[in-house]
């Protein structure tokens, strides 16, 4: 991420549902800055990006239906995407102490993946790979990645004027594996409600 996007001093803090004014759907141990343990600053940044997108949508003219989806669908999808990026989910693993006791240890490390993420014009941010130890395991010794479907949902539901793009491969920030990726509180497939939310809509 660009300067100011990734926490300068990342720590894991539990963000409870509805505790944030904008990213109210966050309800897990999230990566935040040590100087912003409540996540309020990153919550404000997420809302800032959202408001910029909303301005573009208003100029586009939401009165005209551009697909089966409308601007409200676009706003909702973008909100989930930006909140998933600003509040990445910490990895966690149980370790045994020298005294034989066990405890849960959380990780802010980002596992290394060979691909790089595409630029999102709508957010005006660029993501680059951040290296970690080769033994890094997503969800335990490394943080969880966002489900690729969270990004794809923005492309599906937003008009072309946003020029929003998603990666087509695994990246340091996105994964298509629904068993490990972070989908926030998404539950069912919006196109097929009887099916669960997918890791990627390409497989849905």
N, C-alpha and C. Protein backbone atom coordinates (compact mmCIF):
# COMPACT_ATOMS: atom_id res chain seq x y z
N UNK A 1 0.84 -1.19 0.00
CA UNK A 1 0.00 0.00 0.00
C UNK A 1 0.88 1.24 0.00
N UNK A 2 0.30 2.36 -0.33
CA UNK A 2 1.05 3.59 -0.30
C UNK A 2 1.25 4.04 1.13
N UNK A 3 2.14 5.02 1.34
CA UNK A 3 2.40 5.52 2.68
C UNK A 3 1.11 5.95 3.35
N UNK A 4 0.95 5.54 4.59
CA UNK A 4 -0.25 5.91 5.33
C UNK A 4 -1.38 4.91 5.19
N UNK A 5 -1.22 3.93 4.28
CA UNK A 5 -2.27 2.93 4.08
C UNK A 5 -2.03 1.72 4.97
N UNK A 6 -0.80 1.24 5.01
CA UNK A 6 -0.44 0.12 5.89
C UNK A 6 -0.06 0.70 7.25
N UNK A 7 -0.54 0.10 8.36
CA UNK A 7 -0.18 0.61 9.69
C UNK A 7 1.32 0.72 9.87
N UNK A 8 1.77 1.85 10.41
CA UNK A 8 3.21 2.05 10.64
C UNK A 8 3.73 1.07 11.68
N UNK A 9 2.92 0.83 12.71
CA UNK A 9 3.27 -0.12 13.77
C UNK A 9 2.10 -1.09 13.95
N UNK A 10 2.00 -2.09 13.06
CA UNK A 10 0.84 -2.97 13.08
C UNK A 10 0.74 -3.84 14.33
N UNK A 11 -0.46 -3.89 14.88
CA UNK A 11 -0.77 -4.75 16.02
C UNK A 11 -2.14 -5.36 15.77
N UNK A 12 -2.48 -6.39 16.52
CA UNK A 12 -3.79 -7.02 16.40
C UNK A 12 -4.69 -6.57 17.54
N UNK A 13 -5.86 -6.09 17.18
CA UNK A 13 -6.85 -5.67 18.17
C UNK A 13 -8.22 -6.17 17.73
N UNK A 14 -9.01 -6.60 18.72
CA UNK A 14 -10.35 -7.08 18.37
C UNK A 14 -11.28 -5.90 18.13
N UNK A 15 -11.86 -5.86 16.94
CA UNK A 15 -12.83 -4.83 16.59
C UNK A 15 -14.21 -5.47 16.64
N UNK A 16 -15.04 -5.03 17.54
CA UNK A 16 -16.37 -5.62 17.68
C UNK A 16 -17.35 -5.03 16.68
N UNK A 17 -18.33 -5.83 16.30
CA UNK A 17 -19.35 -5.41 15.35
C UNK A 17 -20.05 -4.15 15.83
N UNK A 18 -20.23 -3.21 14.93
CA UNK A 18 -20.91 -1.93 15.18
C UNK A 18 -20.10 -0.95 16.04
N UNK A 19 -18.84 -1.29 16.33
CA UNK A 19 -18.02 -0.37 17.13
C UNK A 19 -17.42 0.75 16.26
N UNK A 20 -17.34 0.51 14.95
CA UNK A 20 -16.84 1.52 14.02
C UNK A 20 -18.02 2.22 13.37
N UNK A 21 -17.90 3.51 13.17
CA UNK A 21 -19.02 4.26 12.62
C UNK A 21 -19.28 3.95 11.15
N UNK A 22 -18.23 3.59 10.39
CA UNK A 22 -18.40 3.30 8.97
C UNK A 22 -18.29 1.81 8.69
N UNK A 23 -17.17 1.21 9.00
CA UNK A 23 -16.96 -0.23 8.76
C UNK A 23 -17.57 -1.04 9.89
N UNK A 24 -18.85 -0.89 10.07
CA UNK A 24 -19.54 -1.51 11.21
C UNK A 24 -19.64 -3.02 11.11
N UNK A 25 -19.39 -3.57 9.90
CA UNK A 25 -19.49 -5.02 9.73
C UNK A 25 -18.25 -5.77 10.23
N UNK A 26 -17.17 -5.04 10.52
CA UNK A 26 -15.93 -5.68 11.00
C UNK A 26 -16.18 -6.26 12.39
N UNK A 27 -15.85 -7.52 12.55
CA UNK A 27 -16.10 -8.21 13.83
C UNK A 27 -15.08 -9.33 14.00
N UNK A 28 -13.81 -8.94 14.14
CA UNK A 28 -12.74 -9.93 14.27
C UNK A 28 -11.46 -9.24 14.73
N UNK A 29 -10.43 -10.03 14.98
CA UNK A 29 -9.13 -9.51 15.36
C UNK A 29 -8.49 -8.91 14.11
N UNK A 30 -8.36 -7.61 14.08
CA UNK A 30 -7.91 -6.91 12.88
C UNK A 30 -6.53 -6.27 13.06
N UNK A 31 -5.86 -6.06 11.94
CA UNK A 31 -4.57 -5.38 11.92
C UNK A 31 -4.83 -3.87 11.97
N UNK A 32 -4.36 -3.22 13.04
CA UNK A 32 -4.51 -1.78 13.19
C UNK A 32 -3.16 -1.20 13.59
N UNK A 33 -3.10 0.11 13.68
CA UNK A 33 -1.87 0.77 14.11
C UNK A 33 -1.85 0.84 15.64
N UNK A 34 -0.68 0.69 16.22
CA UNK A 34 -0.55 0.73 17.67
C UNK A 34 -1.05 2.05 18.24
N UNK A 35 -0.94 3.12 17.45
CA UNK A 35 -1.40 4.44 17.90
C UNK A 35 -2.89 4.66 17.63
N UNK A 36 -3.55 3.66 17.05
CA UNK A 36 -4.97 3.78 16.72
C UNK A 36 -5.64 2.44 17.01
N UNK A 37 -5.59 2.04 18.26
CA UNK A 37 -6.03 0.70 18.65
C UNK A 37 -7.52 0.45 18.40
N UNK A 38 -8.33 1.51 18.35
CA UNK A 38 -9.76 1.34 18.10
C UNK A 38 -10.07 1.25 16.60
N UNK A 39 -9.09 1.61 15.77
CA UNK A 39 -9.30 1.58 14.32
C UNK A 39 -10.02 2.80 13.79
N UNK A 40 -10.21 3.82 14.60
CA UNK A 40 -10.99 5.00 14.21
C UNK A 40 -10.39 5.73 13.01
N UNK A 41 -9.05 5.84 12.98
CA UNK A 41 -8.40 6.56 11.88
C UNK A 41 -8.56 5.83 10.56
N UNK A 42 -8.37 4.52 10.56
CA UNK A 42 -8.53 3.76 9.32
C UNK A 42 -9.99 3.69 8.92
N UNK A 43 -10.89 3.73 9.89
CA UNK A 43 -12.31 3.77 9.59
C UNK A 43 -12.64 5.06 8.85
N UNK A 44 -12.05 6.17 9.29
CA UNK A 44 -12.27 7.46 8.64
C UNK A 44 -11.70 7.46 7.23
N UNK A 45 -10.53 6.81 7.05
CA UNK A 45 -9.94 6.73 5.71
C UNK A 45 -10.82 5.92 4.78
N UNK A 46 -11.37 4.83 5.28
CA UNK A 46 -12.26 4.00 4.47
C UNK A 46 -13.47 4.82 4.03
N UNK A 47 -14.02 5.59 4.93
CA UNK A 47 -15.18 6.42 4.59
C UNK A 47 -14.78 7.51 3.61
N UNK A 48 -13.57 8.04 3.72
CA UNK A 48 -13.08 9.06 2.79
C UNK A 48 -13.05 8.53 1.36
N UNK A 49 -12.51 7.33 1.18
CA UNK A 49 -12.48 6.72 -0.15
C UNK A 49 -13.90 6.46 -0.66
N UNK A 50 -14.75 6.01 0.24
CA UNK A 50 -16.14 5.75 -0.12
C UNK A 50 -16.84 7.02 -0.60
N UNK A 51 -16.62 8.12 0.10
CA UNK A 51 -17.25 9.39 -0.29
C UNK A 51 -16.76 9.85 -1.66
N UNK A 52 -15.48 9.61 -1.96
CA UNK A 52 -14.96 9.97 -3.28
C UNK A 52 -15.66 9.18 -4.38
N UNK A 53 -15.88 7.90 -4.12
CA UNK A 53 -16.59 7.07 -5.08
C UNK A 53 -18.04 7.53 -5.23
N UNK A 54 -18.63 7.90 -4.12
CA UNK A 54 -20.01 8.37 -4.16
C UNK A 54 -20.15 9.63 -5.01
N UNK A 55 -19.15 10.51 -4.95
CA UNK A 55 -19.16 11.72 -5.78
C UNK A 55 -19.14 11.35 -7.25
N UNK A 56 -18.31 10.37 -7.61
CA UNK A 56 -18.25 9.91 -9.00
C UNK A 56 -19.60 9.34 -9.43
N UNK A 57 -20.22 8.57 -8.55
CA UNK A 57 -21.52 7.97 -8.88
C UNK A 57 -22.58 9.04 -9.08
N UNK A 58 -22.56 10.06 -8.26
CA UNK A 58 -23.54 11.14 -8.39
C UNK A 58 -23.37 11.89 -9.71
N UNK A 59 -22.12 12.09 -10.12
CA UNK A 59 -21.85 12.75 -11.40
C UNK A 59 -22.27 11.86 -12.57
N UNK A 60 -22.10 10.56 -12.37
CA UNK A 60 -22.49 9.59 -13.39
C UNK A 60 -23.99 9.65 -13.65
N UNK A 61 -24.74 9.85 -12.60
CA UNK A 61 -26.19 9.92 -12.73
C UNK A 61 -26.85 8.60 -12.39
N UNK A 62 -27.13 8.39 -11.11
CA UNK A 62 -27.66 7.10 -10.66
C UNK A 62 -29.13 6.90 -11.01
N UNK A 63 -29.76 7.93 -11.57
CA UNK A 63 -31.17 7.78 -11.95
C UNK A 63 -31.30 6.84 -13.16
N UNK A 64 -30.19 6.72 -13.91
CA UNK A 64 -30.20 5.84 -15.08
C UNK A 64 -29.69 4.46 -14.67
N UNK A 65 -30.51 3.44 -14.87
CA UNK A 65 -30.11 2.08 -14.50
C UNK A 65 -29.13 1.56 -15.53
N UNK A 66 -27.94 1.19 -15.10
CA UNK A 66 -26.88 0.77 -16.02
C UNK A 66 -26.77 -0.74 -16.15
N UNK A 67 -27.43 -1.50 -15.26
CA UNK A 67 -27.42 -2.96 -15.33
C UNK A 67 -28.53 -3.46 -14.41
N UNK A 68 -28.49 -4.75 -14.09
CA UNK A 68 -29.50 -5.28 -13.16
C UNK A 68 -29.26 -4.72 -11.77
N UNK A 69 -28.06 -4.15 -11.56
CA UNK A 69 -27.72 -3.52 -10.28
C UNK A 69 -27.83 -2.01 -10.40
N UNK A 70 -27.93 -1.35 -9.25
CA UNK A 70 -27.99 0.10 -9.22
C UNK A 70 -26.87 0.67 -8.37
N UNK A 71 -26.87 1.97 -8.21
CA UNK A 71 -25.80 2.63 -7.46
C UNK A 71 -25.76 2.23 -5.99
N UNK A 72 -26.91 1.93 -5.42
CA UNK A 72 -26.91 1.49 -4.02
C UNK A 72 -26.19 0.16 -3.87
N UNK A 73 -26.37 -0.72 -4.86
CA UNK A 73 -25.66 -2.00 -4.86
C UNK A 73 -24.16 -1.77 -4.97
N UNK A 74 -23.79 -0.81 -5.83
CA UNK A 74 -22.39 -0.46 -6.03
C UNK A 74 -21.79 0.09 -4.74
N UNK A 75 -22.49 0.99 -4.10
CA UNK A 75 -21.99 1.59 -2.86
C UNK A 75 -21.75 0.52 -1.79
N UNK A 76 -22.70 -0.39 -1.68
CA UNK A 76 -22.57 -1.45 -0.67
C UNK A 76 -21.37 -2.35 -0.96
N UNK A 77 -21.20 -2.72 -2.22
CA UNK A 77 -20.08 -3.59 -2.60
C UNK A 77 -18.75 -2.88 -2.36
N UNK A 78 -18.69 -1.60 -2.73
CA UNK A 78 -17.44 -0.85 -2.53
C UNK A 78 -17.13 -0.69 -1.05
N UNK A 79 -18.15 -0.47 -0.24
CA UNK A 79 -17.94 -0.31 1.20
C UNK A 79 -17.31 -1.57 1.78
N UNK A 80 -17.81 -2.73 1.39
CA UNK A 80 -17.23 -3.97 1.89
C UNK A 80 -15.80 -4.13 1.43
N UNK A 81 -15.53 -3.76 0.19
CA UNK A 81 -14.17 -3.90 -0.34
C UNK A 81 -13.20 -3.00 0.43
N UNK A 82 -13.53 -1.73 0.57
CA UNK A 82 -12.59 -0.80 1.21
C UNK A 82 -12.42 -1.13 2.69
N UNK A 83 -13.46 -1.60 3.34
CA UNK A 83 -13.34 -1.98 4.75
C UNK A 83 -12.50 -3.24 4.92
N UNK A 84 -12.60 -4.16 3.97
CA UNK A 84 -11.79 -5.38 4.05
C UNK A 84 -10.31 -5.06 3.85
N UNK A 85 -10.01 -4.04 3.06
CA UNK A 85 -8.63 -3.63 2.81
C UNK A 85 -8.07 -2.86 4.01
N UNK A 86 -8.87 -1.97 4.57
CA UNK A 86 -8.40 -1.17 5.71
C UNK A 86 -8.31 -1.99 7.00
N UNK A 87 -9.14 -3.03 7.11
CA UNK A 87 -9.13 -3.85 8.33
C UNK A 87 -8.89 -5.31 7.95
N UNK A 88 -7.63 -5.62 7.69
CA UNK A 88 -7.28 -7.00 7.36
C UNK A 88 -7.32 -7.86 8.62
N UNK A 89 -7.59 -9.11 8.42
CA UNK A 89 -7.79 -10.03 9.55
C UNK A 89 -6.48 -10.68 9.98
N UNK A 90 -6.18 -10.59 11.26
CA UNK A 90 -4.95 -11.17 11.81
C UNK A 90 -4.98 -12.69 11.75
N UNK A 91 -3.82 -13.27 11.56
CA UNK A 91 -3.69 -14.71 11.67
C UNK A 91 -3.61 -15.08 13.15
N UNK A 92 -3.87 -16.32 13.48
CA UNK A 92 -3.79 -16.75 14.88
C UNK A 92 -3.39 -18.21 14.97
N UNK A 93 -2.63 -18.54 15.97
CA UNK A 93 -2.23 -19.92 16.18
C UNK A 93 -2.00 -20.17 17.67
N UNK A 94 -2.23 -21.40 18.08
CA UNK A 94 -2.02 -21.79 19.47
C UNK A 94 -0.59 -22.26 19.63
N UNK A 95 0.10 -21.69 20.61
CA UNK A 95 1.49 -22.07 20.87
C UNK A 95 1.61 -22.55 22.32
N UNK A 96 2.63 -23.34 22.56
CA UNK A 96 2.89 -23.87 23.90
C UNK A 96 4.04 -23.10 24.53
N UNK A 97 3.83 -22.62 25.73
CA UNK A 97 4.85 -21.85 26.44
C UNK A 97 5.89 -22.79 27.05
N UNK A 98 6.95 -22.21 27.60
CA UNK A 98 8.01 -23.00 28.24
C UNK A 98 7.48 -23.81 29.43
N UNK A 99 6.39 -23.34 30.01
CA UNK A 99 5.81 -24.01 31.18
C UNK A 99 4.75 -25.04 30.79
N UNK A 100 4.57 -25.24 29.48
CA UNK A 100 3.63 -26.25 29.04
C UNK A 100 2.21 -25.75 28.83
N UNK A 101 1.97 -24.49 29.12
CA UNK A 101 0.64 -23.93 28.93
C UNK A 101 0.47 -23.54 27.45
N UNK A 102 -0.75 -23.40 27.02
CA UNK A 102 -1.02 -22.98 25.65
C UNK A 102 -1.65 -21.60 25.64
N UNK A 103 -1.37 -20.86 24.61
CA UNK A 103 -1.97 -19.55 24.45
C UNK A 103 -2.14 -19.24 22.98
N UNK A 104 -3.07 -18.34 22.68
CA UNK A 104 -3.35 -17.95 21.31
C UNK A 104 -2.50 -16.74 20.96
N UNK A 105 -1.71 -16.88 19.90
CA UNK A 105 -0.84 -15.79 19.46
C UNK A 105 -1.33 -15.28 18.10
N UNK A 106 -1.46 -13.97 18.00
CA UNK A 106 -1.94 -13.37 16.76
C UNK A 106 -0.79 -12.80 15.95
N UNK A 107 -0.96 -12.79 14.62
CA UNK A 107 0.11 -12.34 13.73
C UNK A 107 -0.37 -11.26 12.76
N UNK A 108 0.47 -10.24 12.58
CA UNK A 108 0.19 -9.19 11.59
C UNK A 108 1.00 -9.40 10.32
N UNK A 109 1.85 -10.43 10.31
CA UNK A 109 2.71 -10.67 9.14
C UNK A 109 1.87 -10.94 7.89
N UNK A 110 2.41 -10.55 6.77
CA UNK A 110 1.76 -10.80 5.50
C UNK A 110 2.57 -11.85 4.74
N UNK A 111 1.94 -12.96 4.40
CA UNK A 111 2.65 -14.01 3.68
C UNK A 111 3.02 -13.54 2.28
N UNK A 112 4.10 -14.06 1.79
CA UNK A 112 4.59 -13.66 0.47
C UNK A 112 3.97 -14.50 -0.62
N UNK A 113 3.47 -13.86 -1.66
CA UNK A 113 2.91 -14.53 -2.82
C UNK A 113 3.54 -13.93 -4.06
N UNK A 114 3.72 -14.71 -5.11
CA UNK A 114 4.44 -14.23 -6.28
C UNK A 114 3.74 -13.17 -7.11
N UNK A 115 2.41 -13.16 -7.10
CA UNK A 115 1.69 -12.21 -7.95
C UNK A 115 1.62 -10.84 -7.32
N UNK A 116 1.29 -9.85 -8.11
CA UNK A 116 1.09 -8.49 -7.61
C UNK A 116 -0.32 -8.07 -7.90
N UNK A 117 -0.81 -7.16 -7.11
CA UNK A 117 -2.20 -6.73 -7.21
C UNK A 117 -2.36 -5.60 -8.20
N UNK A 118 -3.46 -5.61 -8.92
CA UNK A 118 -3.75 -4.54 -9.87
C UNK A 118 -4.10 -3.25 -9.15
N UNK A 119 -3.95 -2.14 -9.85
CA UNK A 119 -4.27 -0.84 -9.28
C UNK A 119 -5.77 -0.58 -9.33
N UNK A 120 -6.31 -0.02 -8.29
CA UNK A 120 -7.71 0.37 -8.26
C UNK A 120 -7.80 1.87 -8.40
N UNK A 121 -8.33 2.32 -9.52
CA UNK A 121 -8.44 3.74 -9.76
C UNK A 121 -9.40 4.39 -8.78
N UNK A 122 -10.47 3.67 -8.45
CA UNK A 122 -11.49 4.25 -7.58
C UNK A 122 -10.94 4.59 -6.20
N UNK A 123 -10.01 3.81 -5.70
CA UNK A 123 -9.49 4.06 -4.36
C UNK A 123 -8.26 4.94 -4.36
N UNK A 124 -7.69 5.12 -5.54
CA UNK A 124 -6.48 5.94 -5.69
C UNK A 124 -5.33 5.41 -4.85
N UNK A 125 -5.27 4.10 -4.70
CA UNK A 125 -4.18 3.49 -3.95
C UNK A 125 -3.56 2.39 -4.79
N UNK A 126 -2.30 2.11 -4.55
CA UNK A 126 -1.60 1.05 -5.26
C UNK A 126 -1.01 0.10 -4.24
N UNK A 127 -1.23 -1.18 -4.44
CA UNK A 127 -0.76 -2.18 -3.50
C UNK A 127 0.46 -2.91 -4.07
N UNK A 128 1.46 -3.10 -3.25
CA UNK A 128 2.64 -3.84 -3.66
C UNK A 128 2.87 -4.97 -2.68
N UNK A 129 3.64 -5.95 -3.09
CA UNK A 129 3.90 -7.11 -2.25
C UNK A 129 4.80 -6.75 -1.08
N UNK A 130 4.47 -7.28 0.08
CA UNK A 130 5.29 -7.12 1.27
C UNK A 130 5.79 -8.50 1.67
N UNK A 131 7.07 -8.67 1.74
CA UNK A 131 7.62 -10.00 1.94
C UNK A 131 7.49 -10.46 3.38
N UNK A 132 7.47 -11.76 3.53
CA UNK A 132 7.44 -12.38 4.86
C UNK A 132 8.22 -13.68 4.75
N UNK A 133 8.40 -14.35 5.85
CA UNK A 133 9.17 -15.59 5.84
C UNK A 133 8.51 -16.63 4.96
N UNK A 134 9.30 -17.45 4.30
CA UNK A 134 8.77 -18.46 3.38
C UNK A 134 7.92 -19.49 4.12
N UNK A 135 8.10 -19.62 5.44
CA UNK A 135 7.34 -20.56 6.24
C UNK A 135 6.00 -19.99 6.68
N UNK A 136 5.69 -18.78 6.25
CA UNK A 136 4.46 -18.10 6.63
C UNK A 136 3.25 -18.92 6.18
N UNK A 137 2.29 -19.10 7.08
CA UNK A 137 1.07 -19.83 6.78
C UNK A 137 -0.12 -18.90 6.96
N UNK A 138 -0.86 -18.69 5.88
CA UNK A 138 -2.00 -17.79 5.94
C UNK A 138 -3.01 -18.24 7.00
N UNK A 139 -3.45 -17.31 7.81
CA UNK A 139 -4.44 -17.61 8.83
C UNK A 139 -3.87 -18.05 10.16
N UNK A 140 -2.56 -18.35 10.19
CA UNK A 140 -1.94 -18.73 11.46
C UNK A 140 -0.74 -17.82 11.72
N UNK A 141 0.39 -18.11 11.07
CA UNK A 141 1.56 -17.24 11.24
C UNK A 141 1.50 -16.01 10.34
N UNK A 142 0.52 -15.95 9.49
CA UNK A 142 0.32 -14.79 8.61
C UNK A 142 -1.14 -14.36 8.59
N UNK A 143 -1.38 -13.10 8.27
CA UNK A 143 -2.75 -12.58 8.24
C UNK A 143 -3.58 -13.21 7.12
N UNK A 144 -4.89 -13.20 7.28
CA UNK A 144 -5.80 -13.70 6.26
C UNK A 144 -5.87 -12.70 5.10
N UNK A 145 -6.07 -13.21 3.91
CA UNK A 145 -6.30 -12.34 2.76
C UNK A 145 -7.80 -12.15 2.54
N UNK A 146 -8.16 -11.08 1.88
CA UNK A 146 -9.56 -10.81 1.55
C UNK A 146 -10.00 -11.74 0.42
N UNK A 147 -11.24 -12.21 0.49
CA UNK A 147 -11.78 -13.03 -0.60
C UNK A 147 -11.79 -12.23 -1.90
N UNK A 148 -11.33 -12.85 -2.96
CA UNK A 148 -11.32 -12.19 -4.26
C UNK A 148 -12.73 -11.76 -4.67
N UNK A 149 -13.72 -12.51 -4.21
CA UNK A 149 -15.11 -12.20 -4.53
C UNK A 149 -15.55 -10.84 -3.99
N UNK A 150 -14.96 -10.39 -2.88
CA UNK A 150 -15.30 -9.09 -2.32
C UNK A 150 -14.92 -7.98 -3.32
N UNK A 151 -13.77 -8.18 -3.98
CA UNK A 151 -13.33 -7.24 -5.01
C UNK A 151 -14.18 -7.40 -6.28
N UNK A 152 -14.41 -8.63 -6.68
CA UNK A 152 -15.18 -8.90 -7.91
C UNK A 152 -16.60 -8.35 -7.81
N UNK A 153 -17.14 -8.32 -6.61
CA UNK A 153 -18.50 -7.82 -6.42
C UNK A 153 -18.61 -6.35 -6.80
N UNK A 154 -17.52 -5.60 -6.59
CA UNK A 154 -17.50 -4.19 -6.97
C UNK A 154 -17.56 -4.07 -8.49
N UNK A 155 -16.76 -4.87 -9.18
CA UNK A 155 -16.75 -4.86 -10.65
C UNK A 155 -18.13 -5.24 -11.18
N UNK A 156 -18.75 -6.23 -10.55
CA UNK A 156 -20.07 -6.70 -10.99
C UNK A 156 -21.16 -5.66 -10.83
N UNK A 157 -21.05 -4.86 -9.76
CA UNK A 157 -22.18 -4.00 -9.41
C UNK A 157 -21.99 -2.51 -9.67
N UNK A 158 -20.78 -2.11 -10.05
CA UNK A 158 -20.52 -0.68 -10.25
C UNK A 158 -20.41 -0.33 -11.74
N UNK A 159 -20.78 0.90 -12.10
CA UNK A 159 -20.70 1.32 -13.51
C UNK A 159 -19.25 1.48 -13.98
N UNK A 160 -19.08 1.49 -15.27
CA UNK A 160 -17.75 1.54 -15.89
C UNK A 160 -16.96 2.78 -15.52
N UNK A 161 -17.63 3.86 -15.12
CA UNK A 161 -16.94 5.11 -14.84
C UNK A 161 -15.95 4.99 -13.67
N UNK A 162 -16.14 4.01 -12.83
CA UNK A 162 -15.20 3.83 -11.72
C UNK A 162 -13.89 3.19 -12.19
N UNK A 163 -13.94 2.54 -13.32
CA UNK A 163 -12.75 1.86 -13.87
C UNK A 163 -12.10 0.97 -12.81
N UNK A 164 -12.94 0.27 -12.09
CA UNK A 164 -12.47 -0.57 -10.98
C UNK A 164 -11.94 -1.89 -11.53
N UNK A 165 -10.80 -2.32 -11.02
CA UNK A 165 -10.18 -3.56 -11.50
C UNK A 165 -9.86 -4.49 -10.33
N UNK A 166 -9.87 -5.78 -10.64
CA UNK A 166 -9.49 -6.79 -9.65
C UNK A 166 -8.41 -7.68 -10.25
N UNK A 167 -7.59 -8.27 -9.40
CA UNK A 167 -6.59 -9.21 -9.91
C UNK A 167 -7.27 -10.48 -10.40
N UNK A 168 -6.60 -11.20 -11.24
CA UNK A 168 -7.14 -12.47 -11.75
C UNK A 168 -6.40 -13.66 -11.17
N UNK A 169 -5.42 -13.39 -10.33
CA UNK A 169 -4.63 -14.46 -9.71
C UNK A 169 -4.51 -14.20 -8.21
N UNK A 170 -3.92 -15.15 -7.52
CA UNK A 170 -3.64 -14.99 -6.10
C UNK A 170 -2.66 -13.83 -5.90
N UNK A 171 -2.89 -13.00 -4.91
CA UNK A 171 -2.02 -11.86 -4.63
C UNK A 171 -1.75 -11.79 -3.13
N UNK A 172 -0.87 -10.89 -2.70
CA UNK A 172 -0.61 -10.76 -1.27
C UNK A 172 -1.84 -10.31 -0.47
N UNK A 173 -2.85 -9.78 -1.17
CA UNK A 173 -4.02 -9.25 -0.46
C UNK A 173 -5.31 -10.00 -0.75
N UNK A 174 -5.34 -10.77 -1.84
CA UNK A 174 -6.58 -11.45 -2.23
C UNK A 174 -6.38 -12.95 -2.45
N UNK A 175 -7.39 -13.71 -2.05
CA UNK A 175 -7.37 -15.16 -2.21
C UNK A 175 -8.74 -15.64 -2.66
N UNK A 176 -8.75 -16.70 -3.48
CA UNK A 176 -10.01 -17.28 -3.94
C UNK A 176 -10.43 -18.47 -3.07
N UNK A 177 -9.63 -18.77 -2.07
CA UNK A 177 -9.92 -19.92 -1.20
C UNK A 177 -10.90 -19.53 -0.10
N UNK A 178 -12.14 -19.94 -0.26
CA UNK A 178 -13.18 -19.55 0.70
C UNK A 178 -12.92 -20.15 2.08
N UNK A 179 -12.10 -21.19 2.16
CA UNK A 179 -11.79 -21.81 3.45
C UNK A 179 -10.90 -20.94 4.33
N UNK A 180 -10.17 -20.02 3.71
CA UNK A 180 -9.26 -19.17 4.49
C UNK A 180 -9.49 -17.68 4.28
N UNK A 181 -10.03 -17.28 3.14
CA UNK A 181 -10.13 -15.84 2.87
C UNK A 181 -11.17 -15.15 3.75
N UNK A 182 -10.97 -13.86 3.94
CA UNK A 182 -11.85 -13.06 4.79
C UNK A 182 -12.99 -12.48 3.96
N UNK A 183 -14.21 -12.89 4.30
CA UNK A 183 -15.39 -12.40 3.58
C UNK A 183 -16.21 -11.45 4.44
N UNK A 184 -15.65 -11.02 5.58
CA UNK A 184 -16.35 -10.19 6.56
C UNK A 184 -17.63 -10.90 7.00
N UNK A 185 -18.79 -10.25 6.91
CA UNK A 185 -19.99 -10.94 7.36
C UNK A 185 -20.89 -11.38 6.19
N UNK A 186 -20.29 -11.47 5.00
CA UNK A 186 -21.04 -11.97 3.86
C UNK A 186 -21.36 -13.45 4.09
N UNK A 187 -22.60 -13.84 3.80
CA UNK A 187 -23.02 -15.22 4.08
C UNK A 187 -23.44 -15.97 2.81
N UNK A 188 -24.39 -15.41 2.06
CA UNK A 188 -24.91 -16.13 0.91
C UNK A 188 -24.57 -15.47 -0.41
N UNK A 189 -24.54 -16.26 -1.46
CA UNK A 189 -24.29 -15.78 -2.81
C UNK A 189 -25.45 -14.89 -3.23
N UNK A 190 -25.20 -13.62 -3.61
CA UNK A 190 -26.29 -12.71 -3.97
C UNK A 190 -27.07 -13.14 -5.20
N UNK A 191 -26.43 -13.93 -6.07
CA UNK A 191 -27.10 -14.40 -7.28
C UNK A 191 -27.85 -15.71 -7.05
N UNK A 192 -27.32 -16.51 -6.10
CA UNK A 192 -27.92 -17.79 -5.78
C UNK A 192 -27.99 -17.91 -4.26
N UNK A 193 -29.00 -17.32 -3.66
CA UNK A 193 -29.12 -17.25 -2.19
C UNK A 193 -29.02 -18.58 -1.47
N UNK A 194 -29.30 -19.67 -2.15
CA UNK A 194 -29.23 -20.98 -1.50
C UNK A 194 -27.78 -21.45 -1.35
N UNK A 195 -26.86 -20.76 -2.02
CA UNK A 195 -25.45 -21.13 -1.96
C UNK A 195 -24.68 -20.14 -1.09
N UNK A 196 -23.59 -20.59 -0.49
CA UNK A 196 -22.80 -19.70 0.36
C UNK A 196 -22.02 -18.67 -0.45
N UNK A 197 -21.57 -17.64 0.22
CA UNK A 197 -20.74 -16.63 -0.44
C UNK A 197 -19.47 -17.31 -0.96
N UNK A 198 -19.09 -17.06 -2.22
CA UNK A 198 -17.94 -17.75 -2.81
C UNK A 198 -16.61 -17.06 -2.56
N UNK A 199 -15.54 -17.81 -2.76
CA UNK A 199 -14.21 -17.21 -2.69
C UNK A 199 -13.96 -16.35 -3.91
N UNK A 200 -14.52 -16.79 -5.04
CA UNK A 200 -14.48 -16.02 -6.29
C UNK A 200 -15.74 -16.33 -7.06
N UNK A 201 -16.30 -15.34 -7.74
CA UNK A 201 -17.51 -15.57 -8.51
C UNK A 201 -17.24 -16.38 -9.77
N UNK A 202 -15.98 -16.56 -10.11
CA UNK A 202 -15.63 -17.38 -11.27
C UNK A 202 -16.00 -18.83 -11.03
N UNK A 203 -16.05 -19.23 -9.76
CA UNK A 203 -16.39 -20.61 -9.41
C UNK A 203 -17.81 -20.74 -8.85
N UNK A 204 -18.53 -19.62 -8.82
CA UNK A 204 -19.86 -19.63 -8.19
C UNK A 204 -20.94 -20.17 -9.11
